[in-house]
């Protein structure tokens, strides 16, 4: 009688080779999932910062378009601009007599917009004891990432502006997981102010 093996099974080498193939497949799938997750995160961050920059620009443009509304010819200035636009709190103050009562003391008639500590903020009242509200976070106005803050508002004249250029640079709150660098997005607009009546 022969002593042939009647049992069928796997040898240790076959099991090790199978495990090695399984580990390679799982590693490949895991790296693919991680890379896709990084791409997805970076795309979400990019969309969010673009949205913040565009929405902020729209709010500011709308406020600037009301600047100088003086239906009764009281004679107030349309805007008051920051005389040191490269300072830490670059601001503009916007005046409009929206309810036609000869002053700019009511809600949304005296709006101050500023960049402060990487936030874009506004106060929609003349009352300086009222707090600023944050419009958007991570507005650095550092378009090239060199640490130099560019002006948020650039009027064509400090004494009697007719046009204001608004330039907003938003930065991602955390670095891009693919590159390790912050994402930046810049939008700008030239807004013509109302001519005085």
Foldseek 3Di string as FASTA:
>chain_A
DDPDDPDDDDDPVRVVVVVVVVVVVVVVVVVVVVVVVLVVVLVVLVVVQVVLQVVVQVVVLVLQQQFQAAVPQLPDAQKAFDPPQQDQWGKMWGAHPVVNPSGQADFQRIKMWTQHPQFTWMDRGPPPVDDTDTSDHQFQCPQVPPNRHDGQWDFPDNPHGQKIKGKTKGWGPAARPVPRHIDIDMDMDIHGHDDHD
